[in-house]
Amino acid sequence: MAQHIIHGFGIGLLAGGGAAALGVIVGSVAPQWQRICRLALGNVELAINPAVEEAIR
C-alpha cells in the first residue's frame, strides 16, 4: 500500500516538473515566435553593431 502511495507521489513530482519546464519553454519562446518564424522563412536580420551605430549618430 505505501509503495503505491510513494510511486504515485513520484509520478506527480515528475509530471509537475515536466509542466514547469514546459511552462518556462513556452514563456521564453512565445514572445519571440514571430521573429523565429521570419528567420525560418529566410528573412535575414541585419546584425546590430554598437560601433557602427555610434558612428552614424
PDB file of N, CA and C in Angstrom:
ATOM      1  N   MET A   1       0.825  -1.194   0.000  1.00  0.00           N
ATOM      2  CA  MET A   1       0.000   0.000   0.000  1.00  0.00           C
ATOM      3  C   MET A   1       0.869   1.258   0.000  1.00  0.00           C
ATOM      4  N   ALA A   2       1.828   1.316   0.912  1.00  0.00           N
ATOM      5  CA  ALA A   2       2.679   2.502   0.988  1.00  0.00           C
ATOM      6  C   ALA A   2       3.513   2.655  -0.279  1.00  0.00           C
ATOM      7  N   GLN A   3       3.862   1.536  -0.882  1.00  0.00           N
ATOM      8  CA  GLN A   3       4.650   1.578  -2.111  1.00  0.00           C
ATOM      9  C   GLN A   3       3.855   2.267  -3.222  1.00  0.00           C
ATOM     10  N   HIS A   4       2.563   2.033  -3.295  1.00  0.00           N
ATOM     11  CA  HIS A   4       1.721   2.642  -4.315  1.00  0.00           C
ATOM     12  C   HIS A   4       1.595   4.153  -4.090  1.00  0.00           C
ATOM     13  N   ILE A   5       1.510   4.547  -2.831  1.00  0.00           N
ATOM     14  CA  ILE A   5       1.415   5.972  -2.500  1.00  0.00           C
ATOM     15  C   ILE A   5       2.703   6.686  -2.891  1.00  0.00           C
ATOM     16  N   ILE A   6       3.841   6.104  -2.547  1.00  0.00           N
ATOM     17  CA  ILE A   6       5.129   6.710  -2.886  1.00  0.00           C
ATOM     18  C   ILE A   6       5.323   6.751  -4.401  1.00  0.00           C
ATOM     19  N   HIS A   7       4.906   5.711  -5.086  1.00  0.00           N
ATOM     20  CA  HIS A   7       5.005   5.675  -6.540  1.00  0.00           C
ATOM     21  C   HIS A   7       4.136   6.769  -7.161  1.00  0.00           C
ATOM     22  N   GLY A   8       2.930   6.927  -6.674  1.00  0.00           N
ATOM     23  CA  GLY A   8       2.033   7.990  -7.160  1.00  0.00           C
ATOM     24  C   GLY A   8       2.598   9.365  -6.885  1.00  0.00           C
ATOM     25  N   PHE A   9       3.207   9.540  -5.715  1.00  0.00           N
ATOM     26  CA  PHE A   9       3.830  10.816  -5.362  1.00  0.00           C
ATOM     27  C   PHE A   9       4.987  11.121  -6.312  1.00  0.00           C
ATOM     28  N   GLY A  10       5.781  10.109  -6.630  1.00  0.00           N
ATOM     29  CA  GLY A  10       6.904  10.299  -7.556  1.00  0.00           C
ATOM     30  C   GLY A  10       6.434  10.663  -8.958  1.00  0.00           C
ATOM     31  N   ILE A  11       5.385  10.002  -9.418  1.00  0.00           N
ATOM     32  CA  ILE A  11       4.833  10.326 -10.732  1.00  0.00           C
ATOM     33  C   ILE A  11       4.287  11.757 -10.729  1.00  0.00           C
ATOM     34  N   GLY A  12       3.655  12.146  -9.646  1.00  0.00           N
ATOM     35  CA  GLY A  12       3.148  13.520  -9.524  1.00  0.00           C
ATOM     36  C   GLY A  12       4.266  14.544  -9.573  1.00  0.00           C
ATOM     37  N   LEU A  13       5.362  14.251  -8.883  1.00  0.00           N
ATOM     38  CA  LEU A  13       6.512  15.168  -8.915  1.00  0.00           C
ATOM     39  C   LEU A  13       7.098  15.261 -10.322  1.00  0.00           C
ATOM     40  N   LEU A  14       7.210  14.142 -10.999  1.00  0.00           N
ATOM     41  CA  LEU A  14       7.738  14.130 -12.357  1.00  0.00           C
ATOM     42  C   LEU A  14       6.830  14.915 -13.302  1.00  0.00           C
ATOM     43  N   ALA A  15       5.538  14.725 -13.191  1.00  0.00           N
ATOM     44  CA  ALA A  15       4.586  15.448 -14.035  1.00  0.00           C
ATOM     45  C   ALA A  15       4.628  16.945 -13.731  1.00  0.00           C
ATOM     46  N   GLY A  16       4.736  17.293 -12.462  1.00  0.00           N
ATOM     47  CA  GLY A  16       4.812  18.707 -12.085  1.00  0.00           C
ATOM     48  C   GLY A  16       6.075  19.369 -12.597  1.00  0.00           C
ATOM     49  N   GLY A  17       7.187  18.654 -12.514  1.00  0.00           N
ATOM     50  CA  GLY A  17       8.442  19.184 -13.045  1.00  0.00           C
ATOM     51  C   GLY A  17       8.391  19.358 -14.552  1.00  0.00           C
ATOM     52  N   GLY A  18       7.763  18.389 -15.229  1.00  0.00           N
ATOM     53  CA  GLY A  18       7.616  18.498 -16.678  1.00  0.00           C
ATOM     54  C   GLY A  18       6.730  19.670 -17.061  1.00  0.00           C
ATOM     55  N   ALA A  19       5.651  19.878 -16.316  1.00  0.00           N
ATOM     56  CA  ALA A  19       4.751  21.000 -16.593  1.00  0.00           C
ATOM     57  C   ALA A  19       5.459  22.331 -16.354  1.00  0.00           C
ATOM     58  N   ALA A  20       6.264  22.418 -15.301  1.00  0.00           N
ATOM     59  CA  ALA A  20       7.004  23.643 -15.026  1.00  0.00           C
ATOM     60  C   ALA A  20       8.028  23.924 -16.128  1.00  0.00           C
ATOM     61  N   ALA A  21       8.735  22.887 -16.569  1.00  0.00           N
ATOM     62  CA  ALA A  21       9.714  23.053 -17.639  1.00  0.00           C
ATOM     63  C   ALA A  21       9.032  23.479 -18.934  1.00  0.00           C
ATOM     64  N   LEU A  22       7.907  22.884 -19.247  1.00  0.00           N
ATOM     65  CA  LEU A  22       7.166  23.250 -20.453  1.00  0.00           C
ATOM     66  C   LEU A  22       6.677  24.699 -20.363  1.00  0.00           C
ATOM     67  N   GLY A  23       6.243  25.106 -19.193  1.00  0.00           N
ATOM     68  CA  GLY A  23       5.811  26.495 -18.996  1.00  0.00           C
ATOM     69  C   GLY A  23       6.938  27.480 -19.208  1.00  0.00           C
ATOM     70  N   VAL A  24       8.126  27.153 -18.731  1.00  0.00           N
ATOM     71  CA  VAL A  24       9.280  28.036 -18.913  1.00  0.00           C
ATOM     72  C   VAL A  24       9.662  28.116 -20.387  1.00  0.00           C
ATOM     73  N   ILE A  25       9.649  26.985 -21.070  1.00  0.00           N
ATOM     74  CA  ILE A  25       9.992  26.970 -22.500  1.00  0.00           C
ATOM     75  C   ILE A  25       8.987  27.806 -23.288  1.00  0.00           C
ATOM     76  N   VAL A  26       7.706  27.596 -23.046  1.00  0.00           N
ATOM     77  CA  VAL A  26       6.678  28.354 -23.765  1.00  0.00           C
ATOM     78  C   VAL A  26       6.774  29.831 -23.427  1.00  0.00           C
ATOM     79  N   GLY A  27       7.029  30.152 -22.165  1.00  0.00           N
ATOM     80  CA  GLY A  27       7.136  31.547 -21.749  1.00  0.00           C
ATOM     81  C   GLY A  27       8.315  32.272 -22.361  1.00  0.00           C
ATOM     82  N   SER A  28       9.371  31.550 -22.659  1.00  0.00           N
ATOM     83  CA  SER A  28      10.538  32.200 -23.241  1.00  0.00           C
ATOM     84  C   SER A  28      10.488  32.233 -24.759  1.00  0.00           C
ATOM     85  N   VAL A  29       9.794  31.290 -25.382  1.00  0.00           N
ATOM     86  CA  VAL A  29       9.720  31.239 -26.839  1.00  0.00           C
ATOM     87  C   VAL A  29       8.551  32.069 -27.366  1.00  0.00           C
ATOM     88  N   ALA A  30       7.450  32.130 -26.643  1.00  0.00           N
ATOM     89  CA  ALA A  30       6.244  32.802 -27.134  1.00  0.00           C
ATOM     90  C   ALA A  30       6.476  34.260 -27.542  1.00  0.00           C
ATOM     91  N   PRO A  31       7.202  35.068 -26.769  1.00  0.00           N
ATOM     92  CA  PRO A  31       7.402  36.457 -27.192  1.00  0.00           C
ATOM     93  C   PRO A  31       8.225  36.582 -28.478  1.00  0.00           C
ATOM     94  N   GLN A  32       9.016  35.596 -28.799  1.00  0.00           N
ATOM     95  CA  GLN A  32       9.885  35.655 -29.973  1.00  0.00           C
ATOM     96  C   GLN A  32       9.343  34.846 -31.146  1.00  0.00           C
ATOM     97  N   TRP A  33       8.121  34.328 -31.040  1.00  0.00           N
ATOM     98  CA  TRP A  33       7.610  33.394 -32.034  1.00  0.00           C
ATOM     99  C   TRP A  33       7.565  33.993 -33.440  1.00  0.00           C
ATOM    100  N   GLN A  34       7.105  35.230 -33.566  1.00  0.00           N
ATOM    101  CA  GLN A  34       7.041  35.861 -34.890  1.00  0.00           C
ATOM    102  C   GLN A  34       8.438  36.019 -35.480  1.00  0.00           C
ATOM    103  N   ARG A  35       9.391  36.408 -34.673  1.00  0.00           N
ATOM    104  CA  ARG A  35      10.774  36.562 -35.141  1.00  0.00           C
ATOM    105  C   ARG A  35      11.346  35.216 -35.573  1.00  0.00           C
ATOM    106  N   ILE A  36      11.069  34.164 -34.806  1.00  0.00           N
ATOM    107  CA  ILE A  36      11.554  32.821 -35.148  1.00  0.00           C
ATOM    108  C   ILE A  36      10.978  32.394 -36.497  1.00  0.00           C
ATOM    109  N   CYS A  37       9.687  32.638 -36.708  1.00  0.00           N
ATOM    110  CA  CYS A  37       9.060  32.268 -37.989  1.00  0.00           C
ATOM    111  C   CYS A  37       9.665  33.055 -39.145  1.00  0.00           C
ATOM    112  N   ARG A  38       9.892  34.359 -38.954  1.00  0.00           N
ATOM    113  CA  ARG A  38      10.505  35.164 -40.029  1.00  0.00           C
ATOM    114  C   ARG A  38      11.895  34.649 -40.372  1.00  0.00           C
ATOM    115  N   LEU A  39      12.678  34.325 -39.363  1.00  0.00           N
ATOM    116  CA  LEU A  39      14.023  33.815 -39.614  1.00  0.00           C
ATOM    117  C   LEU A  39      13.964  32.448 -40.297  1.00  0.00           C
ATOM    118  N   ALA A  40      13.012  31.612 -39.906  1.00  0.00           N
ATOM    119  CA  ALA A  40      12.883  30.288 -40.508  1.00  0.00           C
ATOM    120  C   ALA A  40      12.468  30.381 -41.975  1.00  0.00           C
ATOM    121  N   LEU A  41      11.741  31.446 -42.319  1.00  0.00           N
ATOM    122  CA  LEU A  41      11.306  31.634 -43.704  1.00  0.00           C
ATOM    123  C   LEU A  41      12.374  32.311 -44.564  1.00  0.00           C
ATOM    124  N   GLY A  42      13.509  32.629 -43.969  1.00  0.00           N
ATOM    125  CA  GLY A  42      14.628  33.152 -44.734  1.00  0.00           C
ATOM    126  C   GLY A  42      14.791  34.657 -44.704  1.00  0.00           C
ATOM    127  N   ASN A  43      14.003  35.353 -43.890  1.00  0.00           N
ATOM    128  CA  ASN A  43      14.162  36.803 -43.773  1.00  0.00           C
ATOM    129  C   ASN A  43      15.331  37.096 -42.839  1.00  0.00           C
ATOM    130  N   VAL A  44      16.409  37.585 -43.413  1.00  0.00           N
ATOM    131  CA  VAL A  44      17.635  37.796 -42.651  1.00  0.00           C
ATOM    132  C   VAL A  44      17.578  39.149 -41.952  1.00  0.00           C
ATOM    133  N   GLU A  45      17.955  39.172 -40.678  1.00  0.00           N
ATOM    134  CA  GLU A  45      18.046  40.422 -39.933  1.00  0.00           C
ATOM    135  C   GLU A  45      19.483  40.925 -39.985  1.00  0.00           C
ATOM    136  N   LEU A  46      19.626  42.223 -40.067  1.00  0.00           N
ATOM    137  CA  LEU A  46      20.960  42.792 -40.038  1.00  0.00           C
ATOM    138  C   LEU A  46      21.503  42.743 -38.619  1.00  0.00           C
ATOM    139  N   ALA A  47      22.775  42.473 -38.502  1.00  0.00           N
ATOM    140  CA  ALA A  47      23.409  42.435 -37.187  1.00  0.00           C
ATOM    141  C   ALA A  47      23.526  43.855 -36.639  1.00  0.00           C
ATOM    142  N   ILE A  48      23.361  43.974 -35.349  1.00  0.00           N
ATOM    143  CA  ILE A  48      23.488  45.281 -34.706  1.00  0.00           C
ATOM    144  C   ILE A  48      24.918  45.420 -34.209  1.00  0.00           C
ATOM    145  N   ASN A  49      25.603  46.422 -34.712  1.00  0.00           N
ATOM    146  CA  ASN A  49      26.977  46.679 -34.312  1.00  0.00           C
ATOM    147  C   ASN A  49      27.006  48.010 -33.572  1.00  0.00           C
ATOM    148  N   PRO A  50      27.266  48.034 -32.260  1.00  0.00           N
ATOM    149  CA  PRO A  50      27.236  49.277 -31.495  1.00  0.00           C
ATOM    150  C   PRO A  50      28.214  50.326 -32.023  1.00  0.00           C
ATOM    151  N   ALA A  51      29.365  49.905 -32.529  1.00  0.00           N
ATOM    152  CA  ALA A  51      30.338  50.868 -33.042  1.00  0.00           C
ATOM    153  C   ALA A  51      29.789  51.592 -34.270  1.00  0.00           C
ATOM    154  N   VAL A  52      29.112  50.870 -35.126  1.00  0.00           N
ATOM    155  CA  VAL A  52      28.537  51.482 -36.326  1.00  0.00           C
ATOM    156  C   VAL A  52      27.411  52.431 -35.934  1.00  0.00           C
ATOM    157  N   GLU A  53      26.593  52.050 -34.964  1.00  0.00           N
ATOM    158  CA  GLU A  53      25.510  52.928 -34.530  1.00  0.00           C
ATOM    159  C   GLU A  53      26.050  54.214 -33.950  1.00  0.00           C
ATOM    160  N   GLU A  54      27.139  54.162 -33.210  1.00  0.00           N
ATOM    161  CA  GLU A  54      27.734  55.379 -32.653  1.00  0.00           C
ATOM    162  C   GLU A  54      28.301  56.257 -33.773  1.00  0.00           C
ATOM    163  N   ALA A  55      28.851  55.646 -34.810  1.00  0.00           N
ATOM    164  CA  ALA A  55      29.404  56.431 -35.907  1.00  0.00           C
ATOM    165  C   ALA A  55      28.309  57.117 -36.703  1.00  0.00           C
ATOM    166  N   ILE A  56      27.132  56.509 -36.749  1.00  0.00           N
ATOM    167  CA  ILE A  56      26.019  57.102 -37.508  1.00  0.00           C
ATOM    168  C   ILE A  56      25.448  58.314 -36.779  1.00  0.00           C
ATOM    169  N   ARG A  57      25.460  58.297 -35.477  1.00  0.00           N
ATOM    170  CA  ARG A  57      24.858  59.396 -34.681  1.00  0.00           C
ATOM    171  C   ARG A  57      25.642  60.645 -34.786  1.00  0.00           C
TER     172      ARG A  57
END
